[in-house]
C-alpha atoms as a PDB file:
ATOM      1  CA  UNK A   1       5.310  31.292  79.969  1.00  0.00           C
ATOM      2  CA  UNK A   2       3.313  29.540  77.212  1.00  0.00           C
ATOM      3  CA  UNK A   3       4.889  26.932  74.988  1.00  0.00           C
ATOM      4  CA  UNK A   4       7.038  28.368  72.179  1.00  0.00           C
ATOM      5  CA  UNK A   5       5.620  27.968  68.678  1.00  0.00           C
ATOM      6  CA  UNK A   6       7.735  27.004  65.637  1.00  0.00           C
ATOM      7  CA  UNK A   7       8.810  29.747  63.229  1.00  0.00           C
ATOM      8  CA  UNK A   8       8.480  30.071  59.480  1.00  0.00           C
ATOM      9  CA  UNK A   9      11.604  31.413  57.804  1.00  0.00           C
ATOM     10  CA  UNK A  10      10.855  34.453  55.632  1.00  0.00           C
ATOM     11  CA  UNK A  11      13.192  35.920  53.042  1.00  0.00           C
ATOM     12  CA  UNK A  12      14.496  39.476  53.397  1.00  0.00           C
ATOM     13  CA  UNK A  13      12.376  42.301  51.965  1.00  0.00           C
ATOM     14  CA  UNK A  14      13.011  43.280  48.318  1.00  0.00           C
ATOM     15  CA  UNK A  15      15.858  45.623  47.411  1.00  0.00           C
ATOM     16  CA  UNK A  16      15.270  49.182  48.596  1.00  0.00           C
ATOM     17  CA  UNK A  17      15.059  50.499  45.031  1.00  0.00           C
ATOM     18  CA  UNK A  18      12.244  48.028  44.340  1.00  0.00           C
ATOM     19  CA  UNK A  19      10.538  49.029  47.587  1.00  0.00           C
ATOM     20  CA  UNK A  20      10.703  52.689  46.570  1.00  0.00           C
ATOM     21  CA  UNK A  21       9.041  51.938  43.234  1.00  0.00           C
ATOM     22  CA  UNK A  22       6.370  49.906  45.010  1.00  0.00           C
ATOM     23  CA  UNK A  23       5.502  52.814  47.312  1.00  0.00           C
ATOM     24  CA  UNK A  24       5.352  55.201  44.367  1.00  0.00           C
ATOM     25  CA  UNK A  25       3.183  52.758  42.383  1.00  0.00           C
ATOM     26  CA  UNK A  26       0.754  52.605  45.312  1.00  0.00           C
ATOM     27  CA  UNK A  27       0.661  56.387  45.676  1.00  0.00           C
ATOM     28  CA  UNK A  28       2.222  56.447  49.138  1.00  0.00           C
ATOM     29  CA  UNK A  29       4.369  59.396  48.077  1.00  0.00           C
ATOM     30  CA  UNK A  30       1.182  61.409  47.487  1.00  0.00           C
ATOM     31  CA  UNK A  31      -0.207  60.434  50.896  1.00  0.00           C
ATOM     32  CA  UNK A  32       3.072  61.510  52.496  1.00  0.00           C
ATOM     33  CA  UNK A  33       3.476  64.669  50.419  1.00  0.00           C
ATOM     34  CA  UNK A  34       6.861  63.539  49.110  1.00  0.00           C
ATOM     35  CA  UNK A  35       8.192  63.874  45.568  1.00  0.00           C
ATOM     36  CA  UNK A  36       8.821  60.452  43.985  1.00  0.00           C
ATOM     37  CA  UNK A  37      12.466  61.360  43.415  1.00  0.00           C
ATOM     38  CA  UNK A  38      12.968  61.953  47.134  1.00  0.00           C
ATOM     39  CA  UNK A  39      11.952  58.372  47.853  1.00  0.00           C
ATOM     40  CA  UNK A  40      14.074  57.031  44.988  1.00  0.00           C
ATOM     41  CA  UNK A  41      17.111  59.021  46.099  1.00  0.00           C
ATOM     42  CA  UNK A  42      16.786  57.949  49.731  1.00  0.00           C
ATOM     43  CA  UNK A  43      16.493  54.299  48.682  1.00  0.00           C
ATOM     44  CA  UNK A  44      19.447  54.505  46.276  1.00  0.00           C
ATOM     45  CA  UNK A  45      21.744  56.077  48.858  1.00  0.00           C
ATOM     46  CA  UNK A  46      20.762  53.563  51.520  1.00  0.00           C
ATOM     47  CA  UNK A  47      21.080  50.678  49.086  1.00  0.00           C
ATOM     48  CA  UNK A  48      24.637  51.731  48.281  1.00  0.00           C
ATOM     49  CA  UNK A  49      25.660  51.303  51.919  1.00  0.00           C
ATOM     50  CA  UNK A  50      25.736  48.382  54.309  1.00  0.00           C
ATOM     51  CA  UNK A  51      22.712  49.773  56.162  1.00  0.00           C
ATOM     52  CA  UNK A  52      20.449  48.982  53.223  1.00  0.00           C
ATOM     53  CA  UNK A  53      20.922  45.239  53.234  1.00  0.00           C
ATOM     54  CA  UNK A  54      17.735  43.411  54.160  1.00  0.00           C
ATOM     55  CA  UNK A  55      16.094  46.605  55.445  1.00  0.00           C
ATOM     56  CA  UNK A  56      12.493  47.731  55.126  1.00  0.00           C
ATOM     57  CA  UNK A  57      11.788  51.215  53.769  1.00  0.00           C
ATOM     58  CA  UNK A  58       9.216  52.974  55.945  1.00  0.00           C
ATOM     59  CA  UNK A  59       7.438  56.313  55.805  1.00  0.00           C
ATOM     60  CA  UNK A  60       7.008  58.034  59.168  1.00  0.00           C
ATOM     61  CA  UNK A  61       3.434  57.619  60.483  1.00  0.00           C
ATOM     62  CA  UNK A  62       3.136  61.399  60.804  1.00  0.00           C
ATOM     63  CA  UNK A  63       3.327  61.465  56.992  1.00  0.00           C
ATOM     64  CA  UNK A  64       1.469  58.246  56.139  1.00  0.00           C
ATOM     65  CA  UNK A  65      -0.941  57.100  58.879  1.00  0.00           C
ATOM     66  CA  UNK A  66      -2.302  53.585  59.229  1.00  0.00           C
ATOM     67  CA  UNK A  67      -5.800  54.576  58.085  1.00  0.00           C
ATOM     68  CA  UNK A  68      -4.386  55.685  54.705  1.00  0.00           C
ATOM     69  CA  UNK A  69      -2.018  52.722  54.269  1.00  0.00           C
ATOM     70  CA  UNK A  70      -4.330  49.850  55.262  1.00  0.00           C
ATOM     71  CA  UNK A  71      -6.576  50.078  52.143  1.00  0.00           C
ATOM     72  CA  UNK A  72      -3.474  49.636  49.968  1.00  0.00           C
ATOM     73  CA  UNK A  73      -2.920  46.115  51.284  1.00  0.00           C
ATOM     74  CA  UNK A  74      -4.049  43.308  48.975  1.00  0.00           C
ATOM     75  CA  UNK A  75      -4.670  39.595  49.368  1.00  0.00           C
ATOM     76  CA  UNK A  76      -6.480  37.539  46.741  1.00  0.00           C
ATOM     77  CA  UNK A  77      -7.225  40.884  45.064  1.00  0.00           C
ATOM     78  CA  UNK A  78      -9.133  42.074  48.148  1.00  0.00           C
ATOM     79  CA  UNK A  79      -8.136  45.409  49.703  1.00  0.00           C
ATOM     80  CA  UNK A  80      -7.098  45.742  53.292  1.00  0.00           C
ATOM     81  CA  UNK A  81      -9.238  47.485  55.872  1.00  0.00           C
ATOM     82  CA  UNK A  82      -9.357  48.723  59.456  1.00  0.00           C
ATOM     83  CA  UNK A  83     -11.971  47.155  61.738  1.00  0.00           C
ATOM     84  CA  UNK A  84     -15.008  49.346  62.371  1.00  0.00           C
ATOM     85  CA  UNK A  85     -14.430  49.472  66.130  1.00  0.00           C
ATOM     86  CA  UNK A  86     -11.011  51.071  65.672  1.00  0.00           C
ATOM     87  CA  UNK A  87     -11.907  54.521  64.276  1.00  0.00           C
ATOM     88  CA  UNK A  88      -9.077  55.944  66.399  1.00  0.00           C
ATOM     89  CA  UNK A  89      -6.426  53.778  64.705  1.00  0.00           C
ATOM     90  CA  UNK A  90      -4.191  56.759  63.903  1.00  0.00           C
ATOM     91  CA  UNK A  91      -4.077  57.753  67.566  1.00  0.00           C
ATOM     92  CA  UNK A  92      -2.067  54.619  68.394  1.00  0.00           C
ATOM     93  CA  UNK A  93       1.386  56.180  68.654  1.00  0.00           C
ATOM     94  CA  UNK A  94       4.919  54.791  69.137  1.00  0.00           C
ATOM     95  CA  UNK A  95       5.355  53.781  72.760  1.00  0.00           C
ATOM     96  CA  UNK A  96       8.630  53.365  74.678  1.00  0.00           C
ATOM     97  CA  UNK A  97      10.606  53.674  71.443  1.00  0.00           C
ATOM     98  CA  UNK A  98      11.782  56.473  69.192  1.00  0.00           C
ATOM     99  CA  UNK A  99      11.311  56.643  65.448  1.00  0.00           C
ATOM    100  CA  UNK A 100      13.888  58.533  63.375  1.00  0.00           C
ATOM    101  CA  UNK A 101      12.995  62.198  62.999  1.00  0.00           C
ATOM    102  CA  UNK A 102      12.722  61.961  59.220  1.00  0.00           C
ATOM    103  CA  UNK A 103       9.968  61.327  56.673  1.00  0.00           C
ATOM    104  CA  UNK A 104      11.749  58.172  55.450  1.00  0.00           C
ATOM    105  CA  UNK A 105      13.728  55.648  57.461  1.00  0.00           C
ATOM    106  CA  UNK A 106      14.961  52.056  57.466  1.00  0.00           C
ATOM    107  CA  UNK A 107      13.792  49.213  59.697  1.00  0.00           C
ATOM    108  CA  UNK A 108      16.367  46.461  60.214  1.00  0.00           C
ATOM    109  CA  UNK A 109      16.212  42.805  61.156  1.00  0.00           C
ATOM    110  CA  UNK A 110      12.448  42.368  61.015  1.00  0.00           C
ATOM    111  CA  UNK A 111      11.070  39.205  62.559  1.00  0.00           C
ATOM    112  CA  UNK A 112       7.423  38.119  62.689  1.00  0.00           C
ATOM    113  CA  UNK A 113       7.788  36.610  66.148  1.00  0.00           C
ATOM    114  CA  UNK A 114       6.160  33.277  65.326  1.00  0.00           C
ATOM    115  CA  UNK A 115       7.944  31.763  68.322  1.00  0.00           C
ATOM    116  CA  UNK A 116       5.807  33.959  70.578  1.00  0.00           C
ATOM    117  CA  UNK A 117       2.473  32.877  69.155  1.00  0.00           C
ATOM    118  CA  UNK A 118       0.076  32.229  72.038  1.00  0.00           C
ATOM    119  CA  UNK A 119       1.891  34.757  74.238  1.00  0.00           C
ATOM    120  CA  UNK A 120       0.177  37.890  75.480  1.00  0.00           C
ATOM    121  CA  UNK A 121       1.632  41.327  74.686  1.00  0.00           C
ATOM    122  CA  UNK A 122       2.379  41.684  78.381  1.00  0.00           C
ATOM    123  CA  UNK A 123       4.525  38.532  78.174  1.00  0.00           C
ATOM    124  CA  UNK A 124       6.120  39.274  74.800  1.00  0.00           C
ATOM    125  CA  UNK A 125       7.343  42.835  75.416  1.00  0.00           C
ATOM    126  CA  UNK A 126       9.880  42.032  78.185  1.00  0.00           C
ATOM    127  CA  UNK A 127      11.129  39.029  76.194  1.00  0.00           C
ATOM    128  CA  UNK A 128      11.764  41.222  73.141  1.00  0.00           C
ATOM    129  CA  UNK A 129      13.491  43.834  75.309  1.00  0.00           C
ATOM    130  CA  UNK A 130      15.774  41.150  76.739  1.00  0.00           C
ATOM    131  CA  UNK A 131      16.749  40.241  73.164  1.00  0.00           C
ATOM    132  CA  UNK A 132      17.581  43.910  72.391  1.00  0.00           C
ATOM    133  CA  UNK A 133      14.671  44.086  69.979  1.00  0.00           C
ATOM    134  CA  UNK A 134      11.819  46.589  69.846  1.00  0.00           C
ATOM    135  CA  UNK A 135       8.298  45.822  68.607  1.00  0.00           C
ATOM    136  CA  UNK A 136       7.142  47.200  65.279  1.00  0.00           C
ATOM    137  CA  UNK A 137       4.714  50.098  65.237  1.00  0.00           C
ATOM    138  CA  UNK A 138       1.537  49.547  63.237  1.00  0.00           C
ATOM    139  CA  UNK A 139       2.561  51.505  60.143  1.00  0.00           C
ATOM    140  CA  UNK A 140       5.835  49.560  59.938  1.00  0.00           C
ATOM    141  CA  UNK A 141       3.869  46.325  59.965  1.00  0.00           C
ATOM    142  CA  UNK A 142       1.664  47.599  57.146  1.00  0.00           C
ATOM    143  CA  UNK A 143       4.719  48.684  55.134  1.00  0.00           C
ATOM    144  CA  UNK A 144       6.162  45.199  55.578  1.00  0.00           C
ATOM    145  CA  UNK A 145       3.055  43.486  54.203  1.00  0.00           C
ATOM    146  CA  UNK A 146       2.848  46.010  51.354  1.00  0.00           C
ATOM    147  CA  UNK A 147       6.353  44.976  50.305  1.00  0.00           C
ATOM    148  CA  UNK A 148       6.098  41.291  51.260  1.00  0.00           C
ATOM    149  CA  UNK A 149       2.498  40.050  51.167  1.00  0.00           C
ATOM    150  CA  UNK A 150       3.762  36.588  52.159  1.00  0.00           C
ATOM    151  CA  UNK A 151       4.630  38.020  55.586  1.00  0.00           C
ATOM    152  CA  UNK A 152       0.925  37.587  56.359  1.00  0.00           C
ATOM    153  CA  UNK A 153      -0.122  33.922  56.424  1.00  0.00           C
ATOM    154  CA  UNK A 154      -3.137  32.115  57.756  1.00  0.00           C
ATOM    155  CA  UNK A 155      -2.442  31.211  61.390  1.00  0.00           C
ATOM    156  CA  UNK A 156       0.881  33.090  61.208  1.00  0.00           C
ATOM    157  CA  UNK A 157      -0.034  36.761  61.550  1.00  0.00           C
ATOM    158  CA  UNK A 158       1.365  39.320  63.965  1.00  0.00           C
ATOM    159  CA  UNK A 159       0.804  42.077  66.486  1.00  0.00           C
ATOM    160  CA  UNK A 160       2.496  45.491  66.378  1.00  0.00           C
ATOM    161  CA  UNK A 161       2.667  46.364  70.055  1.00  0.00           C
ATOM    162  CA  UNK A 162       5.076  49.259  69.491  1.00  0.00           C
ATOM    163  CA  UNK A 163       1.911  51.325  68.952  1.00  0.00           C
ATOM    164  CA  UNK A 164      -0.238  52.120  71.992  1.00  0.00           C
ATOM    165  CA  UNK A 165      -3.075  54.521  72.687  1.00  0.00           C
ATOM    166  CA  UNK A 166      -2.573  56.771  75.708  1.00  0.00           C
ATOM    167  CA  UNK A 167      -5.787  57.528  77.632  1.00  0.00           C
ATOM    168  CA  UNK A 168      -6.594  60.961  79.097  1.00  0.00           C
ATOM    169  CA  UNK A 169      -5.732  59.673  82.589  1.00  0.00           C
ATOM    170  CA  UNK A 170      -2.212  58.738  81.470  1.00  0.00           C
ATOM    171  CA  UNK A 171      -2.779  54.992  81.313  1.00  0.00           C
ATOM    172  CA  UNK A 172      -2.892  52.866  78.186  1.00  0.00           C
ATOM    173  CA  UNK A 173      -5.895  51.623  76.266  1.00  0.00           C
ATOM    174  CA  UNK A 174      -6.026  47.821  76.634  1.00  0.00           C
ATOM    175  CA  UNK A 175      -6.379  47.392  72.875  1.00  0.00           C
ATOM    176  CA  UNK A 176      -3.181  46.630  70.969  1.00  0.00           C
ATOM    177  CA  UNK A 177      -2.919  46.720  67.149  1.00  0.00           C
ATOM    178  CA  UNK A 178      -2.451  43.648  65.002  1.00  0.00           C
ATOM    179  CA  UNK A 179      -2.526  42.685  61.333  1.00  0.00           C
ATOM    180  CA  UNK A 180      -4.190  39.467  60.275  1.00  0.00           C
ATOM    181  CA  UNK A 181      -6.503  37.906  57.690  1.00  0.00           C
ATOM    182  CA  UNK A 182     -10.252  38.326  57.911  1.00  0.00           C
ATOM    183  CA  UNK A 183     -12.545  35.308  58.103  1.00  0.00           C
ATOM    184  CA  UNK A 184     -15.391  37.395  56.717  1.00  0.00           C
ATOM    185  CA  UNK A 185     -17.459  36.999  59.871  1.00  0.00           C
ATOM    186  CA  UNK A 186     -19.364  39.531  61.961  1.00  0.00           C
ATOM    187  CA  UNK A 187     -18.999  43.165  61.043  1.00  0.00           C
ATOM    188  CA  UNK A 188     -16.155  42.431  58.620  1.00  0.00           C
ATOM    189  CA  UNK A 189     -18.710  41.173  56.084  1.00  0.00           C
ATOM    190  CA  UNK A 190     -18.558  38.031  53.940  1.00  0.00           C
ATOM    191  CA  UNK A 191     -17.139  40.010  51.024  1.00  0.00           C
ATOM    192  CA  UNK A 192     -14.007  40.666  53.081  1.00  0.00           C
ATOM    193  CA  UNK A 193     -13.147  37.037  53.711  1.00  0.00           C
ATOM    194  CA  UNK A 194      -9.375  36.545  53.188  1.00  0.00           C
ATOM    195  CA  UNK A 195      -8.730  40.307  53.059  1.00  0.00           C
ATOM    196  CA  UNK A 196      -5.830  41.799  55.081  1.00  0.00           C
ATOM    197  CA  UNK A 197      -7.199  43.259  58.279  1.00  0.00           C
ATOM    198  CA  UNK A 198      -5.926  45.851  60.758  1.00  0.00           C
ATOM    199  CA  UNK A 199      -7.530  45.215  64.101  1.00  0.00           C
ATOM    200  CA  UNK A 200      -6.769  44.921  67.772  1.00  0.00           C
ATOM    201  CA  UNK A 201      -6.474  42.429  70.621  1.00  0.00           C
ATOM    202  CA  UNK A 202      -6.450  42.879  74.388  1.00  0.00           C
ATOM    203  CA  UNK A 203      -3.085  43.490  76.097  1.00  0.00           C
ATOM    204  CA  UNK A 204      -3.368  40.469  78.388  1.00  0.00           C
ATOM    205  CA  UNK A 205      -4.900  37.989  75.928  1.00  0.00           C
ATOM    206  CA  UNK A 206      -3.135  35.201  74.042  1.00  0.00           C
ATOM    207  CA  UNK A 207      -3.804  34.107  70.465  1.00  0.00           C
ATOM    208  CA  UNK A 208      -2.306  31.005  68.876  1.00  0.00           C
ATOM    209  CA  UNK A 209      -2.215  32.666  65.450  1.00  0.00           C
ATOM    210  CA  UNK A 210      -0.544  35.961  66.392  1.00  0.00           C
ATOM    211  CA  UNK A 211       3.186  36.472  66.879  1.00  0.00           C
ATOM    212  CA  UNK A 212       4.918  39.742  67.756  1.00  0.00           C
ATOM    213  CA  UNK A 213       6.719  41.537  64.945  1.00  0.00           C
ATOM    214  CA  UNK A 214       9.930  43.269  66.000  1.00  0.00           C
ATOM    215  CA  UNK A 215      13.099  44.916  64.748  1.00  0.00           C
ATOM    216  CA  UNK A 216      16.772  45.117  65.726  1.00  0.00           C
ATOM    217  CA  UNK A 217      16.802  48.846  65.023  1.00  0.00           C
ATOM    218  CA  UNK A 218      15.821  51.822  62.882  1.00  0.00           C
ATOM    219  CA  UNK A 219      17.905  54.390  61.043  1.00  0.00           C
ATOM    220  CA  UNK A 220      16.959  57.602  59.310  1.00  0.00           C
END
């Protein structure tokens, strides 16, 4: 196993009521086909209970796919984007985990997984399972950065290996989704330097600047 990297301590996400207003401000409710009051009511009820403490408010990917959420990301006033060689981004579905059967749900105990930087997804997944954690799916990772832009730092970005693409033969595509910061090279384009970027890495590769975002659980 590769050497463990140090972690950066992040604060909890904003209060759920503030997260609800953020999603409405960004127009996520329109993407998801949800009335603004439905999001506000869900957040208020969850906030009133113990389940709401430190939780992330997420919209189910069936309602708000990654391709629609990624452009809402911002860093240095530059919008987020999906890499050009991932036109099938929305086909990366939850794998070996179940999302709540509801348009809105909570994600608890989020961790960026800095300690697993320079691990491969193949190495990280069993370690997370042993800790009773499950990896974030891609849309959850995007929701996190929408609410906490500081969750994405240079050299401290993360993979969302809870999303995988199943091939017609039943196996998995070797690409695994990640969220990081563009260097403005290659097909990204110089104008996208420092923009938030949804891309992919190979399942068996290691990257010193990518951890593995995970959660202790989800609740609808």
